Amino acid sequence: MIGVMFREDRLLIIRRSMTVNAPGKLCLPGGGIEAGETEEEALIREMQEEILVDVEPVRLCHRSVTPWGTRLAWWIANINDEAEPVPNPEEVSEIHWMTPDDIAKASNVLPSLPEFISQWRAGQIDLPWNVSG
């Protein structure tokens, strides 16, 4: 379950804490779906756990599978403009609002993030992102 959240021309990106898988990597926030949860419920729970904010699921925008076989559901979510995400230090060390160019220049990024941006730039993913790419 991946949360895709925008503020103007920027996408919410986290840096994973050093105590989780892929430590120190930049990525979109997200996590697993627990037994009995819908994707929307998992999205809400994961955003509360990782960045301590309530979100409103909008729609599924993409599905992918990692090289190790994990299935990912990428959900666009609304976050209140006044809400300030706060990293849960057990899972997240930093929070950033980044443009596509910021993401392209960043190092230590999970491969799924630049792949997602590339597919969006190629018109394969429909996002409400008002940037030229």
N, C-alpha and C. Protein backbone atom coordinates (compact mmCIF):
# COMPACT_ATOMS: atom_id res chain seq x y z
N MET A 1 0.84 -1.16 0.00
CA MET A 1 0.00 0.00 0.00
C MET A 1 0.89 1.24 0.00
N ILE A 2 0.75 2.08 -1.00
CA ILE A 2 1.57 3.28 -1.15
C ILE A 2 0.65 4.49 -1.16
N GLY A 3 0.99 5.53 -0.39
CA GLY A 3 0.24 6.77 -0.35
C GLY A 3 0.85 7.81 -1.27
N VAL A 4 0.06 8.34 -2.18
CA VAL A 4 0.50 9.36 -3.14
C VAL A 4 -0.24 10.64 -2.78
N MET A 5 0.50 11.60 -2.18
CA MET A 5 -0.12 12.83 -1.69
C MET A 5 0.62 14.05 -2.22
N PHE A 6 -0.15 15.04 -2.63
CA PHE A 6 0.40 16.24 -3.25
C PHE A 6 0.12 17.47 -2.41
N ARG A 7 1.02 18.43 -2.53
CA ARG A 7 0.80 19.79 -2.04
C ARG A 7 1.37 20.69 -3.12
N GLU A 8 0.47 21.36 -3.83
CA GLU A 8 0.84 22.17 -5.00
C GLU A 8 1.59 21.29 -6.00
N ASP A 9 2.84 21.65 -6.33
CA ASP A 9 3.59 20.89 -7.34
C ASP A 9 4.52 19.85 -6.72
N ARG A 10 4.30 19.54 -5.45
CA ARG A 10 5.23 18.64 -4.74
C ARG A 10 4.53 17.38 -4.24
N LEU A 11 5.31 16.32 -4.17
CA LEU A 11 4.85 15.02 -3.72
C LEU A 11 5.46 14.75 -2.35
N LEU A 12 4.68 14.18 -1.44
CA LEU A 12 5.17 13.87 -0.11
C LEU A 12 6.07 12.63 -0.18
N ILE A 13 7.32 12.81 0.23
CA ILE A 13 8.33 11.75 0.21
C ILE A 13 8.87 11.58 1.62
N ILE A 14 9.14 10.33 2.00
CA ILE A 14 9.74 10.08 3.31
C ILE A 14 11.14 9.49 3.13
N ARG A 15 11.96 9.66 4.16
CA ARG A 15 13.20 8.90 4.27
C ARG A 15 12.96 7.86 5.35
N ARG A 16 13.17 6.60 5.01
CA ARG A 16 12.92 5.50 5.94
C ARG A 16 13.91 5.55 7.09
N SER A 17 13.45 5.19 8.28
CA SER A 17 14.35 5.17 9.44
C SER A 17 15.39 4.07 9.27
N MET A 18 16.40 4.10 10.11
CA MET A 18 17.48 3.13 10.02
C MET A 18 17.11 1.78 10.65
N THR A 19 15.90 1.67 11.20
CA THR A 19 15.50 0.43 11.89
C THR A 19 14.51 -0.41 11.08
N VAL A 20 14.21 -0.01 9.84
CA VAL A 20 13.26 -0.74 9.00
C VAL A 20 13.97 -1.27 7.76
N ASN A 21 13.28 -2.09 6.97
CA ASN A 21 13.84 -2.55 5.69
C ASN A 21 14.17 -1.35 4.82
N ALA A 22 15.19 -1.47 4.01
CA ALA A 22 15.66 -0.39 3.13
C ALA A 22 15.94 0.88 3.93
N PRO A 23 16.78 0.79 4.97
CA PRO A 23 17.03 1.94 5.84
C PRO A 23 17.63 3.12 5.08
N GLY A 24 17.14 4.32 5.41
CA GLY A 24 17.67 5.54 4.84
C GLY A 24 17.23 5.85 3.43
N LYS A 25 16.42 5.01 2.83
CA LYS A 25 15.98 5.23 1.44
C LYS A 25 14.83 6.22 1.38
N LEU A 26 14.81 7.02 0.32
CA LEU A 26 13.67 7.90 0.04
C LEU A 26 12.61 7.10 -0.70
N CYS A 27 11.35 7.33 -0.34
CA CYS A 27 10.24 6.64 -1.00
C CYS A 27 8.94 7.34 -0.63
N LEU A 28 7.86 6.85 -1.18
CA LEU A 28 6.54 7.29 -0.76
C LEU A 28 6.17 6.52 0.51
N PRO A 29 5.35 7.10 1.38
CA PRO A 29 4.96 6.37 2.59
C PRO A 29 4.02 5.22 2.25
N GLY A 30 4.07 4.19 3.07
CA GLY A 30 3.18 3.05 2.85
C GLY A 30 3.57 1.86 3.69
N GLY A 31 2.87 0.77 3.46
CA GLY A 31 3.14 -0.45 4.21
C GLY A 31 2.16 -1.54 3.83
N GLY A 32 2.13 -2.57 4.64
CA GLY A 32 1.33 -3.74 4.34
C GLY A 32 -0.14 -3.60 4.69
N ILE A 33 -0.93 -4.48 4.09
CA ILE A 33 -2.36 -4.57 4.38
C ILE A 33 -2.54 -5.70 5.39
N GLU A 34 -3.20 -5.39 6.49
CA GLU A 34 -3.44 -6.40 7.52
C GLU A 34 -4.67 -7.23 7.17
N ALA A 35 -4.75 -8.43 7.73
CA ALA A 35 -5.87 -9.33 7.47
C ALA A 35 -7.19 -8.62 7.76
N GLY A 36 -8.11 -8.71 6.81
CA GLY A 36 -9.44 -8.13 6.98
C GLY A 36 -9.54 -6.67 6.59
N GLU A 37 -8.43 -6.01 6.26
CA GLU A 37 -8.45 -4.60 5.88
C GLU A 37 -8.71 -4.45 4.38
N THR A 38 -9.39 -3.37 4.03
CA THR A 38 -9.46 -2.97 2.63
C THR A 38 -8.20 -2.16 2.33
N GLU A 39 -7.95 -1.91 1.06
CA GLU A 39 -6.81 -1.07 0.69
C GLU A 39 -6.96 0.33 1.28
N GLU A 40 -8.18 0.86 1.24
CA GLU A 40 -8.42 2.20 1.78
C GLU A 40 -8.14 2.25 3.28
N GLU A 41 -8.59 1.24 4.01
CA GLU A 41 -8.34 1.19 5.46
C GLU A 41 -6.85 1.08 5.76
N ALA A 42 -6.14 0.28 4.98
CA ALA A 42 -4.69 0.14 5.17
C ALA A 42 -3.98 1.46 4.89
N LEU A 43 -4.42 2.17 3.86
CA LEU A 43 -3.83 3.47 3.53
C LEU A 43 -3.99 4.44 4.70
N ILE A 44 -5.20 4.55 5.23
CA ILE A 44 -5.45 5.45 6.36
C ILE A 44 -4.58 5.06 7.55
N ARG A 45 -4.54 3.78 7.89
CA ARG A 45 -3.76 3.32 9.04
C ARG A 45 -2.27 3.57 8.84
N GLU A 46 -1.75 3.23 7.67
CA GLU A 46 -0.32 3.40 7.43
C GLU A 46 0.10 4.87 7.48
N MET A 47 -0.73 5.78 6.97
CA MET A 47 -0.37 7.20 7.02
C MET A 47 -0.40 7.71 8.47
N GLN A 48 -1.35 7.21 9.27
CA GLN A 48 -1.37 7.57 10.69
C GLN A 48 -0.13 7.04 11.38
N GLU A 49 0.27 5.81 11.07
CA GLU A 49 1.44 5.20 11.71
C GLU A 49 2.74 5.87 11.29
N GLU A 50 2.91 6.17 10.01
CA GLU A 50 4.20 6.65 9.52
C GLU A 50 4.38 8.15 9.63
N ILE A 51 3.32 8.93 9.31
CA ILE A 51 3.49 10.38 9.26
C ILE A 51 2.48 11.13 10.14
N LEU A 52 1.75 10.39 10.96
CA LEU A 52 0.88 10.94 12.00
C LEU A 52 -0.16 11.93 11.48
N VAL A 53 -0.74 11.65 10.31
CA VAL A 53 -1.82 12.48 9.77
C VAL A 53 -2.96 11.60 9.29
N ASP A 54 -4.15 12.18 9.30
CA ASP A 54 -5.31 11.52 8.72
C ASP A 54 -5.38 11.89 7.24
N VAL A 55 -5.66 10.91 6.42
CA VAL A 55 -5.80 11.14 4.99
C VAL A 55 -7.16 10.62 4.53
N GLU A 56 -7.56 11.11 3.38
CA GLU A 56 -8.79 10.64 2.75
C GLU A 56 -8.42 9.95 1.44
N PRO A 57 -8.61 8.64 1.34
CA PRO A 57 -8.32 7.95 0.09
C PRO A 57 -9.17 8.52 -1.05
N VAL A 58 -8.55 8.76 -2.20
CA VAL A 58 -9.26 9.30 -3.35
C VAL A 58 -9.50 8.20 -4.38
N ARG A 59 -8.41 7.61 -4.89
CA ARG A 59 -8.55 6.54 -5.88
C ARG A 59 -7.23 5.82 -6.08
N LEU A 60 -7.36 4.60 -6.52
CA LEU A 60 -6.20 3.81 -6.93
C LEU A 60 -5.67 4.40 -8.23
N CYS A 61 -4.36 4.62 -8.32
CA CYS A 61 -3.81 5.18 -9.56
C CYS A 61 -2.84 4.24 -10.27
N HIS A 62 -2.38 3.18 -9.57
CA HIS A 62 -1.37 2.32 -10.18
C HIS A 62 -1.23 1.04 -9.36
N ARG A 63 -0.84 -0.02 -10.03
CA ARG A 63 -0.45 -1.27 -9.36
C ARG A 63 0.88 -1.70 -9.95
N SER A 64 1.73 -2.26 -9.10
CA SER A 64 3.02 -2.76 -9.58
C SER A 64 3.46 -3.92 -8.70
N VAL A 65 4.51 -4.60 -9.13
CA VAL A 65 5.09 -5.70 -8.37
C VAL A 65 6.59 -5.44 -8.27
N THR A 66 7.13 -5.52 -7.07
CA THR A 66 8.56 -5.32 -6.86
C THR A 66 9.35 -6.49 -7.44
N PRO A 67 10.66 -6.32 -7.64
CA PRO A 67 11.48 -7.44 -8.13
C PRO A 67 11.44 -8.66 -7.22
N TRP A 68 11.11 -8.48 -5.94
CA TRP A 68 11.05 -9.60 -5.01
C TRP A 68 9.62 -10.12 -4.82
N GLY A 69 8.68 -9.63 -5.66
CA GLY A 69 7.34 -10.20 -5.69
C GLY A 69 6.28 -9.55 -4.82
N THR A 70 6.61 -8.43 -4.18
CA THR A 70 5.61 -7.73 -3.37
C THR A 70 4.69 -6.93 -4.28
N ARG A 71 3.40 -7.13 -4.13
CA ARG A 71 2.41 -6.39 -4.92
C ARG A 71 2.13 -5.05 -4.24
N LEU A 72 2.18 -3.98 -5.04
CA LEU A 72 1.96 -2.63 -4.52
C LEU A 72 0.72 -2.02 -5.13
N ALA A 73 -0.11 -1.41 -4.29
CA ALA A 73 -1.27 -0.63 -4.73
C ALA A 73 -0.96 0.83 -4.40
N TRP A 74 -0.93 1.67 -5.40
CA TRP A 74 -0.58 3.09 -5.25
C TRP A 74 -1.88 3.89 -5.21
N TRP A 75 -2.17 4.51 -4.08
CA TRP A 75 -3.41 5.24 -3.87
C TRP A 75 -3.16 6.73 -3.72
N ILE A 76 -3.90 7.53 -4.49
CA ILE A 76 -3.91 8.97 -4.27
C ILE A 76 -4.74 9.24 -3.03
N ALA A 77 -4.23 10.11 -2.17
CA ALA A 77 -4.93 10.46 -0.94
C ALA A 77 -4.88 11.96 -0.73
N ASN A 78 -5.94 12.51 -0.17
CA ASN A 78 -5.95 13.92 0.21
C ASN A 78 -5.44 14.07 1.62
N ILE A 79 -4.64 15.10 1.81
CA ILE A 79 -4.16 15.46 3.13
C ILE A 79 -4.56 16.92 3.34
N ASN A 80 -5.10 17.24 4.48
CA ASN A 80 -5.54 18.59 4.78
C ASN A 80 -4.38 19.57 4.62
N ASP A 81 -4.64 20.72 3.97
CA ASP A 81 -3.59 21.71 3.74
C ASP A 81 -2.97 22.23 5.03
N GLU A 82 -3.74 22.24 6.11
CA GLU A 82 -3.22 22.73 7.39
C GLU A 82 -2.46 21.63 8.15
N ALA A 83 -2.64 20.39 7.77
CA ALA A 83 -1.99 19.28 8.47
C ALA A 83 -0.51 19.25 8.14
N GLU A 84 0.30 19.10 9.15
CA GLU A 84 1.74 18.97 8.96
C GLU A 84 2.17 17.56 9.31
N PRO A 85 2.55 16.78 8.32
CA PRO A 85 3.02 15.43 8.61
C PRO A 85 4.23 15.46 9.55
N VAL A 86 4.26 14.52 10.47
CA VAL A 86 5.34 14.40 11.44
C VAL A 86 5.88 12.98 11.34
N PRO A 87 7.20 12.82 11.22
CA PRO A 87 7.73 11.46 11.11
C PRO A 87 7.60 10.68 12.41
N ASN A 88 7.11 9.45 12.31
CA ASN A 88 7.16 8.52 13.42
C ASN A 88 8.57 7.95 13.38
N PRO A 89 9.44 8.29 14.36
CA PRO A 89 10.85 7.92 14.26
C PRO A 89 11.11 6.41 14.21
N GLU A 90 10.14 5.61 14.60
CA GLU A 90 10.32 4.16 14.49
C GLU A 90 10.32 3.70 13.03
N GLU A 91 9.67 4.50 12.16
CA GLU A 91 9.54 4.10 10.76
C GLU A 91 10.10 5.11 9.77
N VAL A 92 10.07 6.40 10.13
CA VAL A 92 10.40 7.47 9.20
C VAL A 92 11.38 8.44 9.88
N SER A 93 12.47 8.77 9.19
CA SER A 93 13.42 9.72 9.77
C SER A 93 13.19 11.15 9.28
N GLU A 94 12.68 11.32 8.06
CA GLU A 94 12.47 12.66 7.49
C GLU A 94 11.25 12.65 6.58
N ILE A 95 10.65 13.84 6.43
CA ILE A 95 9.55 14.05 5.49
C ILE A 95 9.94 15.21 4.59
N HIS A 96 9.72 15.06 3.29
CA HIS A 96 10.04 16.10 2.32
C HIS A 96 8.87 16.26 1.35
N TRP A 97 8.67 17.47 0.85
CA TRP A 97 7.76 17.72 -0.27
C TRP A 97 8.67 17.99 -1.46
N MET A 98 8.64 17.11 -2.47
CA MET A 98 9.60 17.16 -3.57
C MET A 98 8.91 17.24 -4.94
N THR A 99 9.53 17.98 -5.85
CA THR A 99 9.08 18.03 -7.24
C THR A 99 9.65 16.82 -7.99
N PRO A 100 9.17 16.56 -9.21
CA PRO A 100 9.75 15.47 -9.99
C PRO A 100 11.26 15.66 -10.21
N ASP A 101 11.68 16.91 -10.45
CA ASP A 101 13.11 17.17 -10.65
C ASP A 101 13.90 16.91 -9.38
N ASP A 102 13.35 17.30 -8.22
CA ASP A 102 14.02 17.01 -6.94
C ASP A 102 14.23 15.51 -6.79
N ILE A 103 13.19 14.75 -7.10
CA ILE A 103 13.25 13.29 -6.96
C ILE A 103 14.30 12.71 -7.92
N ALA A 104 14.33 13.23 -9.15
CA ALA A 104 15.29 12.73 -10.15
C ALA A 104 16.73 12.97 -9.71
N LYS A 105 16.98 14.07 -8.99
CA LYS A 105 18.34 14.42 -8.56
C LYS A 105 18.73 13.75 -7.24
N ALA A 106 17.76 13.21 -6.53
CA ALA A 106 18.03 12.64 -5.21
C ALA A 106 18.80 11.33 -5.31
N SER A 107 19.58 11.08 -4.28
CA SER A 107 20.28 9.79 -4.20
C SER A 107 19.64 8.96 -3.09
N ASN A 108 19.98 7.70 -3.06
CA ASN A 108 19.48 6.78 -2.03
C ASN A 108 17.95 6.68 -2.07
N VAL A 109 17.43 6.44 -3.27
CA VAL A 109 15.99 6.37 -3.51
C VAL A 109 15.60 4.91 -3.79
N LEU A 110 14.48 4.46 -3.22
CA LEU A 110 13.98 3.13 -3.58
C LEU A 110 13.66 3.11 -5.07
N PRO A 111 14.02 2.08 -5.81
CA PRO A 111 13.82 2.04 -7.26
C PRO A 111 12.38 2.24 -7.70
N SER A 112 11.42 1.86 -6.88
CA SER A 112 10.01 2.00 -7.29
C SER A 112 9.61 3.46 -7.47
N LEU A 113 10.26 4.40 -6.78
CA LEU A 113 9.87 5.81 -6.88
C LEU A 113 10.25 6.41 -8.23
N PRO A 114 11.50 6.34 -8.70
CA PRO A 114 11.79 6.87 -10.03
C PRO A 114 11.04 6.14 -11.14
N GLU A 115 10.78 4.84 -10.96
CA GLU A 115 9.99 4.10 -11.95
C GLU A 115 8.58 4.67 -12.03
N PHE A 116 7.98 4.97 -10.87
CA PHE A 116 6.64 5.56 -10.81
C PHE A 116 6.63 6.91 -11.52
N ILE A 117 7.63 7.76 -11.23
CA ILE A 117 7.72 9.08 -11.85
C ILE A 117 7.89 8.93 -13.37
N SER A 118 8.73 8.02 -13.81
CA SER A 118 8.94 7.80 -15.25
C SER A 118 7.66 7.37 -15.94
N GLN A 119 6.91 6.48 -15.31
CA GLN A 119 5.65 6.04 -15.90
C GLN A 119 4.64 7.18 -15.94
N TRP A 120 4.63 8.04 -14.92
CA TRP A 120 3.75 9.21 -14.93
C TRP A 120 4.15 10.14 -16.07
N ARG A 121 5.45 10.41 -16.22
CA ARG A 121 5.92 11.30 -17.29
C ARG A 121 5.57 10.74 -18.67
N ALA A 122 5.55 9.42 -18.79
CA ALA A 122 5.23 8.77 -20.07
C ALA A 122 3.73 8.69 -20.32
N GLY A 123 2.93 9.21 -19.38
CA GLY A 123 1.48 9.20 -19.54
C GLY A 123 0.83 7.88 -19.18
N GLN A 124 1.56 7.00 -18.52
CA GLN A 124 1.02 5.69 -18.16
C GLN A 124 0.29 5.69 -16.82
N ILE A 125 0.47 6.76 -16.04
CA ILE A 125 -0.21 6.89 -14.75
C ILE A 125 -0.87 8.26 -14.72
N ASP A 126 -2.16 8.29 -14.42
CA ASP A 126 -2.92 9.53 -14.37
C ASP A 126 -2.87 10.10 -12.95
N LEU A 127 -2.18 11.23 -12.82
CA LEU A 127 -2.07 11.89 -11.52
C LEU A 127 -2.56 13.32 -11.61
N PRO A 128 -3.14 13.85 -10.53
CA PRO A 128 -3.56 15.25 -10.50
C PRO A 128 -2.39 16.15 -10.12
N TRP A 129 -1.29 16.02 -10.85
CA TRP A 129 -0.05 16.72 -10.50
C TRP A 129 0.16 17.83 -11.51
N ASN A 130 0.06 19.07 -11.08
CA ASN A 130 0.11 20.21 -11.98
C ASN A 130 1.53 20.73 -12.14
N VAL A 131 2.38 19.89 -12.71
CA VAL A 131 3.75 20.29 -13.01
C VAL A 131 4.07 19.84 -14.42
N SER A 132 5.08 20.46 -15.01
CA SER A 132 5.44 20.11 -16.38
C SER A 132 6.25 18.83 -16.44
N GLY A 133 6.66 18.31 -15.29
CA GLY A 133 7.37 17.04 -15.27
C GLY A 133 8.84 17.20 -15.15
